[in-house]
mmCIF file of all heavy atoms, coordinates in Angstrom:
data_MODEL
# 
_entry.id   MODEL 
# 
loop_
_atom_site.group_PDB 
_atom_site.id 
_atom_site.type_symbol 
_atom_site.label_atom_id 
_atom_site.label_alt_id 
_atom_site.label_comp_id 
_atom_site.label_asym_id 
_atom_site.label_entity_id 
_atom_site.label_seq_id 
_atom_site.pdbx_PDB_ins_code 
_atom_site.Cartn_x 
_atom_site.Cartn_y 
_atom_site.Cartn_z 
_atom_site.occupancy 
_atom_site.B_iso_or_equiv 
_atom_site.pdbx_formal_charge 
_atom_site.auth_seq_id 
_atom_site.auth_comp_id 
_atom_site.auth_asym_id 
_atom_site.auth_atom_id 
_atom_site.pdbx_PDB_model_num 
ATOM 1   N N   . THR A 1 1  ? 0.863  -1.186  0.000   1.00 0.00 ? 1  THR A N   1 
ATOM 2   C CA  . THR A 1 1  ? 0.000  0.000   0.000   1.00 0.00 ? 1  THR A CA  1 
ATOM 3   C C   . THR A 1 1  ? 0.899  1.235   0.000   1.00 0.00 ? 1  THR A C   1 
ATOM 4   O O   . THR A 1 1  ? 1.893  1.302   0.734   1.00 0.00 ? 1  THR A O   1 
ATOM 5   C CB  . THR A 1 1  ? -0.957 0.019   1.198   1.00 0.00 ? 1  THR A CB  1 
ATOM 6   O OG1 . THR A 1 1  ? -0.218 0.047   2.416   1.00 0.00 ? 1  THR A OG1 1 
ATOM 7   C CG2 . THR A 1 1  ? -1.853 -1.208  1.185   1.00 0.00 ? 1  THR A CG2 1 
ATOM 8   N N   . MET A 1 2  ? 0.534  2.214   -0.821  1.00 0.00 ? 2  MET A N   1 
ATOM 9   C CA  . MET A 1 2  ? 1.441  3.327   -1.098  1.00 0.00 ? 2  MET A CA  1 
ATOM 10  C C   . MET A 1 2  ? 0.641  4.566   -1.447  1.00 0.00 ? 2  MET A C   1 
ATOM 11  O O   . MET A 1 2  ? -0.385 4.495   -2.124  1.00 0.00 ? 2  MET A O   1 
ATOM 12  C CB  . MET A 1 2  ? 2.349  2.927   -2.267  1.00 0.00 ? 2  MET A CB  1 
ATOM 13  C CG  . MET A 1 2  ? 3.618  3.717   -2.426  1.00 0.00 ? 2  MET A CG  1 
ATOM 14  S SD  . MET A 1 2  ? 4.682  2.916   -3.665  1.00 0.00 ? 2  MET A SD  1 
ATOM 15  C CE  . MET A 1 2  ? 6.171  3.896   -3.446  1.00 0.00 ? 2  MET A CE  1 
ATOM 16  N N   . GLY A 1 3  ? 1.083  5.707   -0.976  1.00 0.00 ? 3  GLY A N   1 
ATOM 17  C CA  . GLY A 1 3  ? 0.442  6.962   -1.314  1.00 0.00 ? 3  GLY A CA  1 
ATOM 18  C C   . GLY A 1 3  ? 0.594  7.290   -2.786  1.00 0.00 ? 3  GLY A C   1 
ATOM 19  O O   . GLY A 1 3  ? 1.528  6.837   -3.456  1.00 0.00 ? 3  GLY A O   1 
ATOM 20  N N   . ARG A 1 4  ? -0.329 8.086   -3.298  1.00 0.00 ? 4  ARG A N   1 
ATOM 21  C CA  . ARG A 1 4  ? -0.335 8.387   -4.728  1.00 0.00 ? 4  ARG A CA  1 
ATOM 22  C C   . ARG A 1 4  ? 0.947  9.071   -5.199  1.00 0.00 ? 4  ARG A C   1 
ATOM 23  O O   . ARG A 1 4  ? 1.494  8.743   -6.255  1.00 0.00 ? 4  ARG A O   1 
ATOM 24  C CB  . ARG A 1 4  ? -1.538 9.264   -5.053  1.00 0.00 ? 4  ARG A CB  1 
ATOM 25  C CG  . ARG A 1 4  ? -2.885 8.574   -4.865  1.00 0.00 ? 4  ARG A CG  1 
ATOM 26  C CD  . ARG A 1 4  ? -4.039 9.492   -5.244  1.00 0.00 ? 4  ARG A CD  1 
ATOM 27  N NE  . ARG A 1 4  ? -5.321 8.788   -5.186  1.00 0.00 ? 4  ARG A NE  1 
ATOM 28  C CZ  . ARG A 1 4  ? -6.448 9.276   -5.679  1.00 0.00 ? 4  ARG A CZ  1 
ATOM 29  N NH1 . ARG A 1 4  ? -6.450 10.485  -6.242  1.00 0.00 ? 4  ARG A NH1 1 
ATOM 30  N NH2 . ARG A 1 4  ? -7.576 8.583   -5.591  1.00 0.00 ? 4  ARG A NH2 1 
ATOM 31  N N   . GLU A 1 5  ? 1.435  10.030  -4.405  1.00 0.00 ? 5  GLU A N   1 
ATOM 32  C CA  . GLU A 1 5  ? 2.613  10.789  -4.817  1.00 0.00 ? 5  GLU A CA  1 
ATOM 33  C C   . GLU A 1 5  ? 3.851  9.899   -4.869  1.00 0.00 ? 5  GLU A C   1 
ATOM 34  O O   . GLU A 1 5  ? 4.619  9.922   -5.840  1.00 0.00 ? 5  GLU A O   1 
ATOM 35  C CB  . GLU A 1 5  ? 2.839  11.960  -3.845  1.00 0.00 ? 5  GLU A CB  1 
ATOM 36  C CG  . GLU A 1 5  ? 3.948  12.898  -4.244  1.00 0.00 ? 5  GLU A CG  1 
ATOM 37  C CD  . GLU A 1 5  ? 4.058  14.103  -3.311  1.00 0.00 ? 5  GLU A CD  1 
ATOM 38  O OE1 . GLU A 1 5  ? 3.011  14.697  -2.989  1.00 0.00 ? 5  GLU A OE1 1 
ATOM 39  O OE2 . GLU A 1 5  ? 5.190  14.444  -2.920  1.00 0.00 ? 5  GLU A OE2 1 
ATOM 40  N N   . SER A 1 6  ? 4.035  9.068   -3.845  1.00 0.00 ? 6  SER A N   1 
ATOM 41  C CA  . SER A 1 6  ? 5.194  8.173   -3.820  1.00 0.00 ? 6  SER A CA  1 
ATOM 42  C C   . SER A 1 6  ? 5.087  7.106   -4.907  1.00 0.00 ? 6  SER A C   1 
ATOM 43  O O   . SER A 1 6  ? 6.085  6.728   -5.530  1.00 0.00 ? 6  SER A O   1 
ATOM 44  C CB  . SER A 1 6  ? 5.316  7.506   -2.446  1.00 0.00 ? 6  SER A CB  1 
ATOM 45  O OG  . SER A 1 6  ? 5.566  8.465   -1.441  1.00 0.00 ? 6  SER A OG  1 
ATOM 46  N N   . ARG A 1 7  ? 3.873  6.620   -5.140  1.00 0.00 ? 7  ARG A N   1 
ATOM 47  C CA  . ARG A 1 7  ? 3.697  5.605   -6.182  1.00 0.00 ? 7  ARG A CA  1 
ATOM 48  C C   . ARG A 1 7  ? 4.018  6.175   -7.559  1.00 0.00 ? 7  ARG A C   1 
ATOM 49  O O   . ARG A 1 7  ? 4.638  5.505   -8.394  1.00 0.00 ? 7  ARG A O   1 
ATOM 50  C CB  . ARG A 1 7  ? 2.267  5.065   -6.146  1.00 0.00 ? 7  ARG A CB  1 
ATOM 51  C CG  . ARG A 1 7  ? 1.999  3.981   -7.174  1.00 0.00 ? 7  ARG A CG  1 
ATOM 52  C CD  . ARG A 1 7  ? 0.622  3.368   -7.007  1.00 0.00 ? 7  ARG A CD  1 
ATOM 53  N NE  . ARG A 1 7  ? 0.338  2.385   -8.032  1.00 0.00 ? 7  ARG A NE  1 
ATOM 54  C CZ  . ARG A 1 7  ? -0.767 1.644   -8.082  1.00 0.00 ? 7  ARG A CZ  1 
ATOM 55  N NH1 . ARG A 1 7  ? -1.683 1.766   -7.132  1.00 0.00 ? 7  ARG A NH1 1 
ATOM 56  N NH2 . ARG A 1 7  ? -0.963 0.776   -9.063  1.00 0.00 ? 7  ARG A NH2 1 
ATOM 57  N N   . ALA A 1 8  ? 3.598  7.417   -7.806  1.00 0.00 ? 8  ALA A N   1 
ATOM 58  C CA  . ALA A 1 8  ? 3.898  8.042   -9.100  1.00 0.00 ? 8  ALA A CA  1 
ATOM 59  C C   . ALA A 1 8  ? 5.408  8.162   -9.292  1.00 0.00 ? 8  ALA A C   1 
ATOM 60  O O   . ALA A 1 8  ? 5.924  7.921   -10.397 1.00 0.00 ? 8  ALA A O   1 
ATOM 61  C CB  . ALA A 1 8  ? 3.225  9.410   -9.188  1.00 0.00 ? 8  ALA A CB  1 
ATOM 62  N N   . ALA A 1 9  ? 6.123  8.530   -8.226  1.00 0.00 ? 9  ALA A N   1 
ATOM 63  C CA  . ALA A 1 9  ? 7.579  8.628   -8.323  1.00 0.00 ? 9  ALA A CA  1 
ATOM 64  C C   . ALA A 1 9  ? 8.199  7.255   -8.581  1.00 0.00 ? 9  ALA A C   1 
ATOM 65  O O   . ALA A 1 9  ? 9.144  7.120   -9.377  1.00 0.00 ? 9  ALA A O   1 
ATOM 66  C CB  . ALA A 1 9  ? 8.138  9.231   -7.035  1.00 0.00 ? 9  ALA A CB  1 
ATOM 67  N N   . ALA A 1 10 ? 7.678  6.220   -7.925  1.00 0.00 ? 10 ALA A N   1 
ATOM 68  C CA  . ALA A 1 10 ? 8.194  4.864   -8.139  1.00 0.00 ? 10 ALA A CA  1 
ATOM 69  C C   . ALA A 1 10 ? 7.899  4.388   -9.559  1.00 0.00 ? 10 ALA A C   1 
ATOM 70  O O   . ALA A 1 10 ? 8.712  3.684   -10.173 1.00 0.00 ? 10 ALA A O   1 
ATOM 71  C CB  . ALA A 1 10 ? 7.578  3.914   -7.113  1.00 0.00 ? 10 ALA A CB  1 
ATOM 72  N N   . GLN A 1 11 ? 6.746  4.765   -10.075 1.00 0.00 ? 11 GLN A N   1 
ATOM 73  C CA  . GLN A 1 11 ? 6.422  4.398   -11.450 1.00 0.00 ? 11 GLN A CA  1 
ATOM 74  C C   . GLN A 1 11 ? 7.383  5.059   -12.426 1.00 0.00 ? 11 GLN A C   1 
ATOM 75  O O   . GLN A 1 11 ? 7.841  4.427   -13.394 1.00 0.00 ? 11 GLN A O   1 
ATOM 76  C CB  . GLN A 1 11 ? 4.985  4.807   -11.769 1.00 0.00 ? 11 GLN A CB  1 
ATOM 77  C CG  . GLN A 1 11 ? 3.944  3.879   -11.170 1.00 0.00 ? 11 GLN A CG  1 
ATOM 78  C CD  . GLN A 1 11 ? 2.520  4.350   -11.415 1.00 0.00 ? 11 GLN A CD  1 
ATOM 79  O OE1 . GLN A 1 11 ? 2.232  5.544   -11.309 1.00 0.00 ? 11 GLN A OE1 1 
ATOM 80  N NE2 . GLN A 1 11 ? 1.633  3.420   -11.713 1.00 0.00 ? 11 GLN A NE2 1 
ATOM 81  N N   . SER A 1 12 ? 7.707  6.320   -12.176 1.00 0.00 ? 12 SER A N   1 
ATOM 82  C CA  . SER A 1 12 ? 8.594  7.037   -13.094 1.00 0.00 ? 12 SER A CA  1 
ATOM 83  C C   . SER A 1 12 ? 9.998  6.434   -13.108 1.00 0.00 ? 12 SER A C   1 
ATOM 84  O O   . SER A 1 12 ? 10.723 6.563   -14.102 1.00 0.00 ? 12 SER A O   1 
ATOM 85  C CB  . SER A 1 12 ? 8.651  8.519   -12.716 1.00 0.00 ? 12 SER A CB  1 
ATOM 86  O OG  . SER A 1 12 ? 9.340  8.709   -11.486 1.00 0.00 ? 12 SER A OG  1 
ATOM 87  N N   . GLU A 1 13 ? 10.393 5.769   -12.033 1.00 0.00 ? 13 GLU A N   1 
ATOM 88  C CA  . GLU A 1 13 ? 11.703 5.109   -11.985 1.00 0.00 ? 13 GLU A CA  1 
ATOM 89  C C   . GLU A 1 13 ? 11.656 3.672   -12.487 1.00 0.00 ? 13 GLU A C   1 
ATOM 90  O O   . GLU A 1 13 ? 12.672 2.981   -12.495 1.00 0.00 ? 13 GLU A O   1 
ATOM 91  C CB  . GLU A 1 13 ? 12.239 5.122   -10.550 1.00 0.00 ? 13 GLU A CB  1 
ATOM 92  C CG  . GLU A 1 13 ? 12.595 6.500   -10.022 1.00 0.00 ? 13 GLU A CG  1 
ATOM 93  C CD  . GLU A 1 13 ? 13.294 6.459   -8.674  1.00 0.00 ? 13 GLU A CD  1 
ATOM 94  O OE1 . GLU A 1 13 ? 13.764 5.372   -8.266  1.00 0.00 ? 13 GLU A OE1 1 
ATOM 95  O OE2 . GLU A 1 13 ? 13.370 7.521   -8.020  1.00 0.00 ? 13 GLU A OE2 1 
ATOM 96  N N   . GLY A 1 14 ? 10.476 3.209   -12.872 1.00 0.00 ? 14 GLY A N   1 
ATOM 97  C CA  . GLY A 1 14 ? 10.345 1.840   -13.357 1.00 0.00 ? 14 GLY A CA  1 
ATOM 98  C C   . GLY A 1 14 ? 10.240 0.798   -12.264 1.00 0.00 ? 14 GLY A C   1 
ATOM 99  O O   . GLY A 1 14 ? 10.234 -0.413  -12.548 1.00 0.00 ? 14 GLY A O   1 
ATOM 100 N N   . LEU A 1 15 ? 10.136 1.240   -11.015 1.00 0.00 ? 15 LEU A N   1 
ATOM 101 C CA  . LEU A 1 15 ? 10.132 0.290   -9.891  1.00 0.00 ? 15 LEU A CA  1 
ATOM 102 C C   . LEU A 1 15 ? 8.817  -0.474  -9.794  1.00 0.00 ? 15 LEU A C   1 
ATOM 103 O O   . LEU A 1 15 ? 8.797  -1.666  -9.456  1.00 0.00 ? 15 LEU A O   1 
ATOM 104 C CB  . LEU A 1 15 ? 10.394 1.044   -8.586  1.00 0.00 ? 15 LEU A CB  1 
ATOM 105 C CG  . LEU A 1 15 ? 11.726 1.789   -8.495  1.00 0.00 ? 15 LEU A CG  1 
ATOM 106 C CD1 . LEU A 1 15 ? 11.756 2.663   -7.243  1.00 0.00 ? 15 LEU A CD1 1 
ATOM 107 C CD2 . LEU A 1 15 ? 12.889 0.799   -8.490  1.00 0.00 ? 15 LEU A CD2 1 
ATOM 108 N N   . VAL A 1 16 ? 7.712  0.221   -10.085 1.00 0.00 ? 16 VAL A N   1 
ATOM 109 C CA  . VAL A 1 16 ? 6.412  -0.434  -10.010 1.00 0.00 ? 16 VAL A CA  1 
ATOM 110 C C   . VAL A 1 16 ? 6.330  -1.546  -11.047 1.00 0.00 ? 16 VAL A C   1 
ATOM 111 O O   . VAL A 1 16 ? 5.918  -2.678  -10.743 1.00 0.00 ? 16 VAL A O   1 
ATOM 112 C CB  . VAL A 1 16 ? 5.273  0.578   -10.189 1.00 0.00 ? 16 VAL A CB  1 
ATOM 113 C CG1 . VAL A 1 16 ? 3.929  -0.127  -10.326 1.00 0.00 ? 16 VAL A CG1 1 
ATOM 114 C CG2 . VAL A 1 16 ? 5.245  1.552   -9.014  1.00 0.00 ? 16 VAL A CG2 1 
ATOM 115 N N   . ALA A 1 17 ? 6.747  -1.254  -12.275 1.00 0.00 ? 17 ALA A N   1 
ATOM 116 C CA  . ALA A 1 17 ? 6.712  -2.268  -13.329 1.00 0.00 ? 17 ALA A CA  1 
ATOM 117 C C   . ALA A 1 17 ? 7.615  -3.451  -12.978 1.00 0.00 ? 17 ALA A C   1 
ATOM 118 O O   . ALA A 1 17 ? 7.262  -4.614  -13.200 1.00 0.00 ? 17 ALA A O   1 
ATOM 119 C CB  . ALA A 1 17 ? 7.123  -1.650  -14.659 1.00 0.00 ? 17 ALA A CB  1 
ATOM 120 N N   . GLN A 1 18 ? 8.790  -3.154  -12.430 1.00 0.00 ? 18 GLN A N   1 
ATOM 121 C CA  . GLN A 1 18 ? 9.722  -4.229  -12.063 1.00 0.00 ? 18 GLN A CA  1 
ATOM 122 C C   . GLN A 1 18 ? 9.115  -5.145  -11.005 1.00 0.00 ? 18 GLN A C   1 
ATOM 123 O O   . GLN A 1 18 ? 9.159  -6.372  -11.126 1.00 0.00 ? 18 GLN A O   1 
ATOM 124 C CB  . GLN A 1 18 ? 11.032 -3.635  -11.545 1.00 0.00 ? 18 GLN A CB  1 
ATOM 125 C CG  . GLN A 1 18 ? 12.054 -4.682  -11.100 1.00 0.00 ? 18 GLN A CG  1 
ATOM 126 C CD  . GLN A 1 18 ? 13.245 -4.067  -10.402 1.00 0.00 ? 18 GLN A CD  1 
ATOM 127 O OE1 . GLN A 1 18 ? 13.575 -2.898  -10.653 1.00 0.00 ? 18 GLN A OE1 1 
ATOM 128 N NE2 . GLN A 1 18 ? 13.901 -4.830  -9.541  1.00 0.00 ? 18 GLN A NE2 1 
ATOM 129 N N   . LEU A 1 19 ? 8.535  -4.555  -9.965  1.00 0.00 ? 19 LEU A N   1 
ATOM 130 C CA  . LEU A 1 19 ? 7.962  -5.360  -8.892  1.00 0.00 ? 19 LEU A CA  1 
ATOM 131 C C   . LEU A 1 19 ? 6.689  -6.072  -9.337  1.00 0.00 ? 19 LEU A C   1 
ATOM 132 O O   . LEU A 1 19 ? 6.431  -7.210  -8.922  1.00 0.00 ? 19 LEU A O   1 
ATOM 133 C CB  . LEU A 1 19 ? 7.703  -4.483  -7.669  1.00 0.00 ? 19 LEU A CB  1 
ATOM 134 C CG  . LEU A 1 19 ? 8.966  -4.128  -6.871  1.00 0.00 ? 19 LEU A CG  1 
ATOM 135 C CD1 . LEU A 1 19 ? 8.693  -3.008  -5.886  1.00 0.00 ? 19 LEU A CD1 1 
ATOM 136 C CD2 . LEU A 1 19 ? 9.503  -5.361  -6.141  1.00 0.00 ? 19 LEU A CD2 1 
ATOM 137 N N   . GLU A 1 20 ? 5.894  -5.419  -10.174 1.00 0.00 ? 20 GLU A N   1 
ATOM 138 C CA  . GLU A 1 20 ? 4.719  -6.107  -10.714 1.00 0.00 ? 20 GLU A CA  1 
ATOM 139 C C   . GLU A 1 20 ? 5.135  -7.312  -11.533 1.00 0.00 ? 20 GLU A C   1 
ATOM 140 O O   . GLU A 1 20 ? 4.445  -8.349  -11.529 1.00 0.00 ? 20 GLU A O   1 
ATOM 141 C CB  . GLU A 1 20 ? 3.881  -5.138  -11.549 1.00 0.00 ? 20 GLU A CB  1 
ATOM 142 C CG  . GLU A 1 20 ? 3.121  -4.121  -10.694 1.00 0.00 ? 20 GLU A CG  1 
ATOM 143 C CD  . GLU A 1 20 ? 2.313  -3.127  -11.506 1.00 0.00 ? 20 GLU A CD  1 
ATOM 144 O OE1 . GLU A 1 20 ? 2.644  -2.920  -12.701 1.00 0.00 ? 20 GLU A OE1 1 
ATOM 145 O OE2 . GLU A 1 20 ? 1.355  -2.543  -10.960 1.00 0.00 ? 20 GLU A OE2 1 
ATOM 146 N N   . GLY A 1 21 ? 6.278  -7.212  -12.194 1.00 0.00 ? 21 GLY A N   1 
ATOM 147 C CA  . GLY A 1 21 ? 6.808  -8.355  -12.932 1.00 0.00 ? 21 GLY A CA  1 
ATOM 148 C C   . GLY A 1 21 ? 7.193  -9.513  -12.031 1.00 0.00 ? 21 GLY A C   1 
ATOM 149 O O   . GLY A 1 21 ? 7.218  -10.671 -12.477 1.00 0.00 ? 21 GLY A O   1 
ATOM 150 N N   . ALA A 1 22 ? 7.489  -9.194  -10.764 1.00 0.00 ? 22 ALA A N   1 
ATOM 151 C CA  . ALA A 1 22 ? 7.808  -10.239 -9.784  1.00 0.00 ? 22 ALA A CA  1 
ATOM 152 C C   . ALA A 1 22 ? 6.560  -10.750 -9.073  1.00 0.00 ? 22 ALA A C   1 
ATOM 153 O O   . ALA A 1 22 ? 6.659  -11.604 -8.183  1.00 0.00 ? 22 ALA A O   1 
ATOM 154 C CB  . ALA A 1 22 ? 8.804  -9.695  -8.760  1.00 0.00 ? 22 ALA A CB  1 
ATOM 155 N N   . GLY A 1 23 ? 5.390  -10.220 -9.472  1.00 0.00 ? 23 GLY A N   1 
ATOM 156 C CA  . GLY A 1 23 ? 4.132  -10.674 -8.880  1.00 0.00 ? 23 GLY A CA  1 
ATOM 157 C C   . GLY A 1 23 ? 3.626  -9.815  -7.745  1.00 0.00 ? 23 GLY A C   1 
ATOM 158 O O   . GLY A 1 23 ? 2.665  -10.183 -7.071  1.00 0.00 ? 23 GLY A O   1 
ATOM 159 N N   . VAL A 1 24 ? 4.262  -8.662  -7.514  1.00 0.00 ? 24 VAL A N   1 
ATOM 160 C CA  . VAL A 1 24 ? 3.856  -7.776  -6.431  1.00 0.00 ? 24 VAL A CA  1 
ATOM 161 C C   . VAL A 1 24 ? 2.692  -6.904  -6.909  1.00 0.00 ? 24 VAL A C   1 
ATOM 162 O O   . VAL A 1 24 ? 2.663  -6.441  -8.048  1.00 0.00 ? 24 VAL A O   1 
ATOM 163 C CB  . VAL A 1 24 ? 5.033  -6.886  -5.976  1.00 0.00 ? 24 VAL A CB  1 
ATOM 164 C CG1 . VAL A 1 24 ? 4.590  -5.894  -4.917  1.00 0.00 ? 24 VAL A CG1 1 
ATOM 165 C CG2 . VAL A 1 24 ? 6.181  -7.754  -5.465  1.00 0.00 ? 24 VAL A CG2 1 
# 
């Protein structure tokens, strides 16, 4: 669970896509 602002920053760094690829 993550706030919108922090999640947007993580998405811009490719971290969300990377972790979603691991099943997160």
